[in-house]
């Protein structure tokens, strides 16, 4: 790689980051054009360690019509290490850092996370439990979807899962019916998910869908803390995804711990996820500041939270987006440009049935698009509004009103940074498209 091409990720002051909205500097484009590059029908990408631009170079030369996810293993390891350094570093025996695998359940992502020191996986279904069990022991399997089908509980019990989240008495009963502890220390831990609405979350997970009210939670805790019930008790919360206010964590923790203390204590508390990612240039979320605020709030409210029968008290955090989002870049081919009288359209090798489903699920979810020109030209001049038409035959498969350089054309590529969370994970097989290619790089030597 030429010395004037920076390693990935570039620093905040790097010229490739400044004005990165749709401009890629000439040196980078010259490199992506490539001189004397090896061309082959298939590329062994398992040992790529040369950085993002090197990975792009090899793949776009091999097949420029494919869609690629470039996975920076080193960045994921760094994200896990940051969590370990700043989430309750003074309580290593009590804390549990678990990855919400729904954000990106790729096997390679899960293996790197486990090797980097993740304590376990937040699983929503039995199939996720089955997959996560390849990377962690049963103590690292957390069955956290708050609706519990009896059959799913029974199958999880056979995998020795002992941590179950619920939001109702019927969920408690299904866990009690579906688990068969071998001894007293093997009792299931039944964790009540609290409703914690948060207007500062980009995606509020509590207002309309999940969580028990304070009255319901107290009644369930009293039931679980009755000595005749063969289970340990816990409480969990979730302030929503992409939470823009760190004080929402503090308020939720105070609320959760107060209930625990007043109802005789619990064996675990779970502060959920929601630490935000900097998707756009004007985002300025400080991940360390969030973790420090969460940790301090736990310390301030921890006394009296754990019950006397808590054999192994746990304090859990379960991020997904902030672990994996900024470890993956998405590069999409522009297959055709079509200008009509009242609109300009680009047909792309992706769409809402694949990587961009959040544009429909969460309606006004936005993405940051950059352009990689195929010929190394500098994209200059005014930007115009384009419609991005997805690869499927469905007319609804489109993103309307995306601002791009006016001279964007067939053969160019769209580059979406921070594409690791809830993009490939939510893709469907509608129209049986060619699957996107997953390219790991910066692997551990």
Protein backbone atom coordinates (compact mmCIF):
# COMPACT_ATOMS: atom_id res chain seq x y z
CA UNK A 1 0.00 0.00 0.00
CA UNK A 2 1.40 3.45 -0.83
CA UNK A 3 2.70 5.24 2.22
CA UNK A 4 0.34 8.19 1.70
CA UNK A 5 -2.69 5.94 2.13
CA UNK A 6 -3.50 5.92 5.86
CA UNK A 7 -4.07 2.76 7.84
CA UNK A 8 -7.62 2.03 8.88
CA UNK A 9 -9.35 3.46 10.83
CA UNK A 10 -7.98 6.91 9.97
CA UNK A 11 -7.57 9.54 12.66
CA UNK A 12 -10.21 12.20 13.17
CA UNK A 13 -7.95 14.84 11.58
CA UNK A 14 -7.05 12.77 8.55
CA UNK A 15 -7.95 14.38 5.21
CA UNK A 16 -9.82 11.22 4.25
CA UNK A 17 -12.19 11.84 7.13
CA UNK A 18 -12.50 15.59 6.58
CA UNK A 19 -15.15 16.14 3.96
CA UNK A 20 -15.68 12.40 3.70
CA UNK A 21 -19.35 12.87 2.92
CA UNK A 22 -18.89 12.07 -0.76
CA UNK A 23 -15.23 12.88 -1.48
CA UNK A 24 -12.41 10.37 -1.58
CA UNK A 25 -9.01 11.93 -2.05
CA UNK A 26 -7.08 11.46 -5.26
CA UNK A 27 -4.33 9.35 -3.71
CA UNK A 28 -6.87 6.86 -2.45
CA UNK A 29 -8.61 6.70 -5.81
CA UNK A 30 -5.34 6.13 -7.61
CA UNK A 31 -4.68 3.29 -5.24
CA UNK A 32 -8.14 1.81 -5.76
CA UNK A 33 -7.59 1.97 -9.53
CA UNK A 34 -4.47 -0.06 -8.92
CA UNK A 35 -1.38 -0.50 -11.05
CA UNK A 36 -0.03 -3.98 -11.56
CA UNK A 37 -2.49 -5.59 -9.18
CA UNK A 38 -2.92 -9.34 -9.22
CA UNK A 39 -6.23 -10.32 -10.77
CA UNK A 40 -7.88 -13.68 -10.17
CA UNK A 41 -11.31 -15.24 -10.34
CA UNK A 42 -11.14 -16.09 -6.65
CA UNK A 43 -9.20 -14.41 -3.86
CA UNK A 44 -8.09 -15.96 -0.61
CA UNK A 45 -9.21 -13.28 1.82
CA UNK A 46 -8.80 -15.24 5.03
CA UNK A 47 -5.37 -13.79 5.79
CA UNK A 48 -5.92 -10.18 4.75
CA UNK A 49 -4.08 -7.88 7.14
CA UNK A 50 -3.39 -4.86 4.98
CA UNK A 51 -6.22 -2.55 6.00
CA UNK A 52 -9.52 -1.51 4.49
CA UNK A 53 -8.17 -0.03 1.26
CA UNK A 54 -6.10 -3.12 0.57
CA UNK A 55 -9.16 -5.30 1.08
CA UNK A 56 -11.25 -3.08 -1.20
CA UNK A 57 -8.53 -3.16 -3.82
CA UNK A 58 -8.39 -6.93 -3.99
CA UNK A 59 -12.13 -7.46 -3.98
CA UNK A 60 -13.23 -4.73 -6.38
CA UNK A 61 -10.59 -5.87 -8.83
CA UNK A 62 -11.76 -9.48 -8.58
CA UNK A 63 -15.45 -8.70 -9.05
CA UNK A 64 -16.68 -5.10 -9.09
CA UNK A 65 -20.34 -6.17 -9.37
CA UNK A 66 -20.47 -7.88 -5.97
CA UNK A 67 -21.60 -6.30 -2.70
CA UNK A 68 -19.03 -6.50 0.10
CA UNK A 69 -18.97 -6.22 3.88
CA UNK A 70 -15.42 -5.49 5.06
CA UNK A 71 -14.92 -6.62 8.68
CA UNK A 72 -12.09 -5.07 10.70
CA UNK A 73 -11.29 -7.71 13.30
CA UNK A 74 -8.79 -5.48 15.11
CA UNK A 75 -11.45 -2.81 15.63
CA UNK A 76 -13.84 -5.30 17.19
CA UNK A 77 -11.14 -6.52 19.56
CA UNK A 78 -10.45 -2.89 20.50
CA UNK A 79 -14.15 -2.27 21.16
CA UNK A 80 -14.33 -5.24 23.52
CA UNK A 81 -11.19 -4.11 25.30
CA UNK A 82 -12.65 -0.63 25.77
CA UNK A 83 -15.70 -2.18 27.47
CA UNK A 84 -13.46 -4.23 29.73
CA UNK A 85 -11.42 -1.15 30.65
CA UNK A 86 -14.33 1.17 31.43
CA UNK A 87 -17.33 -0.91 32.54
CA UNK A 88 -16.89 -1.62 36.26
CA UNK A 89 -13.14 -2.33 36.03
CA UNK A 90 -13.09 -2.48 39.84
CA UNK A 91 -15.62 -5.37 39.85
CA UNK A 92 -14.23 -7.94 37.42
CA UNK A 93 -15.71 -10.88 39.33
CA UNK A 94 -19.24 -9.47 39.30
CA UNK A 95 -19.56 -7.79 35.93
CA UNK A 96 -20.59 -9.63 32.78
CA UNK A 97 -20.09 -8.07 29.35
CA UNK A 98 -22.26 -9.90 26.86
CA UNK A 99 -22.75 -9.27 23.15
CA UNK A 100 -26.29 -8.83 21.79
CA UNK A 101 -25.70 -11.18 18.89
CA UNK A 102 -28.85 -10.11 17.03
CA UNK A 103 -26.89 -7.01 15.94
CA UNK A 104 -24.64 -9.22 13.83
CA UNK A 105 -24.63 -13.00 14.29
CA UNK A 106 -21.93 -13.76 11.71
CA UNK A 107 -19.83 -16.67 12.96
CA UNK A 108 -16.60 -14.76 12.39
CA UNK A 109 -17.89 -11.78 14.40
CA UNK A 110 -18.95 -14.01 17.29
CA UNK A 111 -15.66 -15.89 17.34
CA UNK A 112 -13.59 -12.70 17.37
CA UNK A 113 -15.79 -11.28 20.14
CA UNK A 114 -15.44 -14.43 22.23
CA UNK A 115 -11.68 -14.58 21.69
CA UNK A 116 -11.44 -10.89 22.67
CA UNK A 117 -12.95 -11.55 26.09
CA UNK A 118 -16.73 -11.23 25.82
CA UNK A 119 -18.32 -13.07 28.77
CA UNK A 120 -21.30 -14.34 26.85
CA UNK A 121 -24.06 -13.72 24.34
CA UNK A 122 -27.49 -12.13 24.65
CA UNK A 123 -29.71 -14.60 22.79
CA UNK A 124 -33.29 -14.04 21.66
CA UNK A 125 -34.14 -17.51 20.32
CA UNK A 126 -33.14 -21.11 20.76
CA UNK A 127 -31.34 -21.05 17.41
CA UNK A 128 -29.21 -18.16 18.67
CA UNK A 129 -28.49 -20.15 21.84
CA UNK A 130 -27.45 -23.11 19.72
CA UNK A 131 -25.06 -20.95 17.71
CA UNK A 132 -23.65 -19.08 20.72
CA UNK A 133 -22.93 -22.36 22.49
CA UNK A 134 -20.14 -22.94 19.97
CA UNK A 135 -18.18 -20.05 21.48
CA UNK A 136 -18.94 -19.89 25.21
CA UNK A 137 -19.84 -22.32 28.01
CA UNK A 138 -23.46 -22.54 29.27
CA UNK A 139 -22.78 -19.83 31.85
CA UNK A 140 -22.28 -17.44 28.93
CA UNK A 141 -25.72 -18.09 27.40
CA UNK A 142 -28.34 -15.48 28.33
CA UNK A 143 -31.86 -16.13 27.01
CA UNK A 144 -33.09 -12.54 27.04
CA UNK A 145 -36.12 -12.28 24.78
CA UNK A 146 -38.85 -11.42 27.33
CA UNK A 147 -41.49 -13.69 25.78
CA UNK A 148 -40.86 -17.31 26.70
CA UNK A 149 -42.37 -20.23 24.81
CA UNK A 150 -42.38 -23.40 26.90
CA UNK A 151 -40.82 -25.49 24.16
CA UNK A 152 -37.98 -22.99 23.71
CA UNK A 153 -37.31 -23.05 27.47
CA UNK A 154 -37.15 -26.85 27.47
CA UNK A 155 -34.69 -26.86 24.59
CA UNK A 156 -32.57 -24.18 26.27
CA UNK A 157 -32.58 -26.21 29.47
CA UNK A 158 -31.00 -29.10 27.57
CA UNK A 159 -28.19 -26.68 26.67
CA UNK A 160 -27.82 -25.94 30.41
CA UNK A 161 -29.03 -22.35 30.01
CA UNK A 162 -29.87 -20.89 33.41
CA UNK A 163 -30.55 -17.21 32.70
CA UNK A 164 -34.05 -16.39 31.44
CA UNK A 165 -35.65 -12.97 30.98
CA UNK A 166 -39.44 -12.58 31.25
CA UNK A 167 -42.00 -9.80 31.54
CA UNK A 168 -45.03 -11.66 32.93
CA UNK A 169 -46.20 -14.37 35.32
CA UNK A 170 -46.94 -16.68 32.41
CA UNK A 171 -43.30 -16.31 31.36
CA UNK A 172 -42.19 -17.23 34.88
CA UNK A 173 -44.40 -20.30 34.86
CA UNK A 174 -43.01 -21.47 31.52
CA UNK A 175 -39.45 -21.19 32.84
CA UNK A 176 -40.36 -23.11 36.00
CA UNK A 177 -42.13 -25.81 33.96
CA UNK A 178 -39.41 -26.06 31.35
CA UNK A 179 -36.28 -26.29 33.51
CA UNK A 180 -35.08 -29.27 35.48
CA UNK A 181 -32.28 -28.26 37.88
CA UNK A 182 -29.87 -31.02 38.91
CA UNK A 183 -29.24 -29.48 42.35
CA UNK A 184 -29.97 -26.35 44.39
CA UNK A 185 -27.14 -24.36 42.82
CA UNK A 186 -28.50 -25.25 39.38
CA UNK A 187 -31.78 -23.36 39.79
CA UNK A 188 -32.81 -21.10 36.92
CA UNK A 189 -32.40 -17.36 37.27
CA UNK A 190 -35.60 -15.63 36.20
CA UNK A 191 -35.02 -11.98 35.34
CA UNK A 192 -37.87 -9.50 35.09
CA UNK A 193 -37.58 -6.98 32.27
CA UNK A 194 -38.68 -3.53 33.44
CA UNK A 195 -40.44 -1.04 31.23
CA UNK A 196 -38.10 1.95 30.90
CA UNK A 197 -39.42 4.39 28.26
CA UNK A 198 -36.83 6.83 26.92
CA UNK A 199 -37.66 9.70 24.54
CA UNK A 200 -33.92 10.21 23.97
CA UNK A 201 -33.51 6.80 22.33
CA UNK A 202 -33.51 6.58 18.57
CA UNK A 203 -35.43 3.31 18.95
CA UNK A 204 -37.54 3.14 22.12
CA UNK A 205 -37.89 -0.50 23.15
CA UNK A 206 -40.25 -0.01 26.09
CA UNK A 207 -43.08 2.43 25.35
CA UNK A 208 -45.14 0.22 23.07
CA UNK A 209 -43.69 -3.28 23.23
CA UNK A 210 -41.60 -4.74 26.06
CA UNK A 211 -41.31 -4.57 29.81
CA UNK A 212 -43.28 -4.93 33.05
CA UNK A 213 -44.71 -1.98 34.93
CA UNK A 214 -43.38 -1.23 38.40
CA UNK A 215 -46.48 -2.78 40.00
CA UNK A 216 -46.16 -5.94 37.88
CA UNK A 217 -42.43 -6.22 38.53
CA UNK A 218 -42.85 -5.92 42.28
CA UNK A 219 -45.54 -8.61 42.33
CA UNK A 220 -43.36 -10.97 40.29
CA UNK A 221 -40.32 -10.32 42.49
CA UNK A 222 -42.31 -11.12 45.61
CA UNK A 223 -43.43 -14.35 44.00
CA UNK A 224 -39.89 -15.31 42.93
CA UNK A 225 -38.35 -14.36 46.29
CA UNK A 226 -40.79 -16.66 48.07
CA UNK A 227 -38.72 -19.57 49.34
CA UNK A 228 -41.17 -22.07 47.87
CA UNK A 229 -40.25 -21.04 44.31
CA UNK A 230 -37.24 -22.90 42.92
CA UNK A 231 -35.57 -20.02 41.11
CA UNK A 232 -33.26 -17.09 41.62
CA UNK A 233 -34.51 -13.62 40.77
CA UNK A 234 -33.09 -10.73 38.76
CA UNK A 235 -34.06 -7.43 37.18
CA UNK A 236 -33.18 -6.00 33.78
CA UNK A 237 -33.78 -2.79 31.86
CA UNK A 238 -33.18 -1.40 28.39
CA UNK A 239 -33.21 2.34 27.70
CA UNK A 240 -33.53 1.79 23.95
CA UNK A 241 -31.20 1.60 20.99
CA UNK A 242 -28.96 4.53 20.03
CA UNK A 243 -29.68 6.32 23.34
CA UNK A 244 -28.49 9.91 23.03
CA UNK A 245 -28.58 10.77 26.74
CA UNK A 246 -26.26 9.00 29.22
CA UNK A 247 -28.47 10.18 32.11
CA UNK A 248 -31.17 7.82 30.86
CA UNK A 249 -28.94 4.96 32.05
CA UNK A 250 -28.50 6.61 35.46
CA UNK A 251 -32.26 7.11 35.88
CA UNK A 252 -32.97 3.53 34.81
CA UNK A 253 -30.35 2.09 37.16
CA UNK A 254 -31.69 4.10 40.11
CA UNK A 255 -35.22 2.89 39.32
CA UNK A 256 -34.20 -0.75 38.93
CA UNK A 257 -32.02 -0.89 42.04
CA UNK A 258 -34.66 0.85 44.18
CA UNK A 259 -37.21 -1.83 43.30
CA UNK A 260 -34.66 -4.57 44.01
CA UNK A 261 -33.82 -3.19 47.46
CA UNK A 262 -37.46 -2.70 48.47
CA UNK A 263 -38.45 -6.22 47.42
CA UNK A 264 -35.79 -8.19 49.26
CA UNK A 265 -32.95 -8.10 46.75
CA UNK A 266 -32.06 -9.97 43.56
CA UNK A 267 -29.25 -12.14 42.27
CA UNK A 268 -28.44 -10.02 39.23
CA UNK A 269 -29.11 -6.71 37.55
CA UNK A 270 -28.83 -6.09 33.81
CA UNK A 271 -28.44 -2.52 32.48
CA UNK A 272 -29.08 -3.57 28.88
CA UNK A 273 -27.58 -1.90 25.82
CA UNK A 274 -28.14 1.36 23.98
CA UNK A 275 -24.71 3.03 23.93
CA UNK A 276 -24.81 5.07 20.70
CA UNK A 277 -22.60 4.98 17.62
CA UNK A 278 -21.29 8.02 15.72
CA UNK A 279 -22.94 7.44 12.35
CA UNK A 280 -22.63 10.97 10.99
CA UNK A 281 -20.00 13.69 10.98
CA UNK A 282 -21.89 15.82 13.48
CA UNK A 283 -22.37 12.93 15.95
CA UNK A 284 -20.14 13.26 18.98
CA UNK A 285 -21.05 10.46 21.37
CA UNK A 286 -18.29 9.56 23.85
CA UNK A 287 -18.43 5.82 24.51
CA UNK A 288 -16.07 6.06 27.47
CA UNK A 289 -18.19 8.79 29.08
CA UNK A 290 -21.27 6.57 28.75
CA UNK A 291 -19.52 3.60 30.35
CA UNK A 292 -18.16 5.72 33.18
CA UNK A 293 -21.60 7.21 33.89
CA UNK A 294 -23.20 3.76 33.88
CA UNK A 295 -20.50 2.35 36.16
CA UNK A 296 -20.70 5.23 38.62
CA UNK A 297 -24.48 5.01 38.80
CA UNK A 298 -24.20 1.30 39.60
CA UNK A 299 -21.66 1.99 42.36
CA UNK A 300 -23.84 4.73 43.83
CA UNK A 301 -26.91 2.49 44.02
CA UNK A 302 -25.50 -1.01 44.58
CA UNK A 303 -25.65 -1.32 48.37
CA UNK A 304 -28.50 -3.62 49.38
CA UNK A 305 -29.35 -4.73 45.84
CA UNK A 306 -28.26 -8.36 46.10
CA UNK A 307 -30.24 -10.84 48.18
CA UNK A 308 -28.73 -13.11 50.80
CA UNK A 309 -29.23 -16.19 48.60
CA UNK A 310 -27.31 -14.66 45.69
CA UNK A 311 -24.64 -17.31 45.15
CA UNK A 312 -22.95 -15.47 42.29
CA UNK A 313 -24.17 -11.85 42.06
CA UNK A 314 -23.91 -10.47 38.53
CA UNK A 315 -24.01 -6.99 36.98
CA UNK A 316 -24.61 -7.35 33.25
CA UNK A 317 -24.31 -5.05 30.27
CA UNK A 318 -25.45 -6.28 26.84
CA UNK A 319 -24.41 -3.93 24.03
CA UNK A 320 -24.70 -4.94 20.39
CA UNK A 321 -24.58 -1.90 18.13
CA UNK A 322 -21.64 -0.22 19.90
CA UNK A 323 -19.56 -3.40 19.72
CA UNK A 324 -19.96 -4.16 16.04
CA UNK A 325 -21.34 -1.18 14.07
CA UNK A 326 -18.03 0.61 13.43
CA UNK A 327 -16.12 -2.58 12.65
CA UNK A 328 -17.72 -3.11 9.23
CA UNK A 329 -17.88 -1.07 6.01
CA UNK A 330 -20.36 -1.82 3.23
CA UNK A 331 -19.41 -1.31 -0.43
CA UNK A 332 -22.19 -1.58 -3.03
CA UNK A 333 -21.92 -1.49 -6.84
CA UNK A 334 -23.94 0.99 -8.86
CA UNK A 335 -25.28 -1.23 -11.62
CA UNK A 336 -27.08 1.37 -13.70
CA UNK A 337 -28.09 5.03 -13.72
CA UNK A 338 -31.45 6.12 -15.11
CA UNK A 339 -32.43 9.79 -15.39
CA UNK A 340 -36.12 10.50 -15.85
CA UNK A 341 -37.95 13.78 -16.33
CA UNK A 342 -38.61 14.33 -12.64
CA UNK A 343 -36.08 12.09 -10.91
CA UNK A 344 -32.65 10.54 -11.12
CA UNK A 345 -32.21 6.91 -10.16
CA UNK A 346 -29.36 4.55 -9.34
CA UNK A 347 -29.85 0.79 -9.45
CA UNK A 348 -27.67 -0.77 -6.76
CA UNK A 349 -26.57 -4.24 -5.71
CA UNK A 350 -28.44 -4.05 -2.39
CA UNK A 351 -31.77 -2.70 -1.12
CA UNK A 352 -34.38 -2.64 1.62
CA UNK A 353 -34.83 -6.41 1.53
CA UNK A 354 -31.14 -6.73 2.32
CA UNK A 355 -28.99 -4.16 4.13
CA UNK A 356 -31.41 -1.24 4.31
CA UNK A 357 -34.47 -2.77 5.98
CA UNK A 358 -34.25 -0.28 8.86
CA UNK A 359 -35.37 2.44 6.45
CA UNK A 360 -38.75 0.70 6.52
CA UNK A 361 -38.77 -0.88 9.98
CA UNK A 362 -37.77 2.34 11.73
CA UNK A 363 -39.11 4.59 8.96
CA UNK A 364 -36.83 7.62 8.88
CA UNK A 365 -33.60 5.77 9.75
CA UNK A 366 -30.83 7.49 7.78
CA UNK A 367 -27.58 6.29 6.24
CA UNK A 368 -24.37 8.09 5.32
CA UNK A 369 -23.33 7.35 1.73
CA UNK A 370 -19.95 8.08 0.16
CA UNK A 371 -18.98 7.47 -3.47
CA UNK A 372 -15.96 5.50 -4.71
CA UNK A 373 -15.53 6.42 -8.40
CA UNK A 374 -14.42 3.55 -10.60
CA UNK A 375 -12.05 5.67 -12.69
CA UNK A 376 -10.26 7.58 -9.95
CA UNK A 377 -11.87 10.90 -10.87
CA UNK A 378 -12.53 13.48 -8.17
CA UNK A 379 -16.29 13.87 -7.71
CA UNK A 380 -16.80 17.61 -7.79
CA UNK A 381 -19.58 20.12 -8.25
CA UNK A 382 -23.11 20.22 -6.91
CA UNK A 383 -24.87 17.32 -5.29
CA UNK A 384 -28.26 16.17 -6.49
CA UNK A 385 -31.01 14.01 -5.07
CA UNK A 386 -31.13 10.42 -6.27
CA UNK A 387 -33.45 7.52 -5.65
CA UNK A 388 -31.60 4.29 -4.89
CA UNK A 389 -33.42 1.35 -6.44
CA UNK A 390 -32.82 -2.01 -4.81
CA UNK A 391 -31.90 -5.21 -6.56
CA UNK A 392 -35.24 -6.96 -6.07
CA UNK A 393 -38.13 -6.74 -8.53
CA UNK A 394 -40.39 -5.12 -5.91
CA UNK A 395 -41.18 -1.48 -6.78
CA UNK A 396 -41.15 -0.58 -3.09
CA UNK A 397 -37.49 -1.56 -2.86
CA UNK A 398 -36.07 1.96 -2.96
CA UNK A 399 -34.49 4.67 -0.84
CA UNK A 400 -35.90 8.04 -1.83
CA UNK A 401 -33.98 11.31 -1.87
CA UNK A 402 -30.32 10.45 -1.24
CA UNK A 403 -27.90 13.34 -1.82
CA UNK A 404 -24.94 12.32 -4.00
CA UNK A 405 -22.49 14.01 -6.41
CA UNK A 406 -24.19 14.92 -9.65
CA UNK A 407 -21.72 12.94 -11.77
CA UNK A 408 -22.16 9.61 -9.98
CA UNK A 409 -22.44 6.88 -12.59
CA UNK A 410 -22.68 3.19 -13.41
CA UNK A 411 -19.59 1.32 -12.26
CA UNK A 412 -19.02 3.57 -9.26
CA UNK A 413 -19.53 2.17 -5.76
CA UNK A 414 -21.40 3.41 -2.71
CA UNK A 415 -19.49 3.19 0.55
CA UNK A 416 -21.46 3.02 3.82
CA UNK A 417 -19.34 3.27 6.96
CA UNK A 418 -20.42 1.91 10.37
CA UNK A 419 -22.43 -0.84 8.66
CA UNK A 420 -21.86 -3.64 11.14
CA UNK A 421 -25.11 -3.58 13.12
CA UNK A 422 -28.59 -4.57 11.96
CA UNK A 423 -27.77 -4.47 8.25
CA UNK A 424 -26.62 -7.89 7.06
CA UNK A 425 -28.35 -9.37 10.13
CA UNK A 426 -31.78 -8.27 8.92
CA UNK A 427 -31.35 -9.21 5.26
CA UNK A 428 -33.95 -11.52 3.72
CA UNK A 429 -33.67 -14.00 0.85
CA UNK A 430 -36.46 -12.35 -1.14
CA UNK A 431 -35.84 -12.88 -4.89
CA UNK A 432 -32.89 -15.13 -3.94
CA UNK A 433 -30.18 -12.51 -4.52
CA UNK A 434 -26.51 -13.35 -4.65
CA UNK A 435 -25.33 -13.10 -1.04
CA UNK A 436 -23.07 -10.23 -0.03
CA UNK A 437 -19.45 -11.22 0.43
CA UNK A 438 -18.05 -10.96 3.94
CA UNK A 439 -14.39 -9.96 3.98
CA UNK A 440 -12.43 -10.11 7.27
CA UNK A 441 -9.15 -8.21 7.51
CA UNK A 442 -6.71 -7.10 10.20
CA UNK A 443 -6.90 -10.59 11.62
CA UNK A 444 -4.89 -11.48 14.69
CA UNK A 445 -1.44 -12.68 13.74
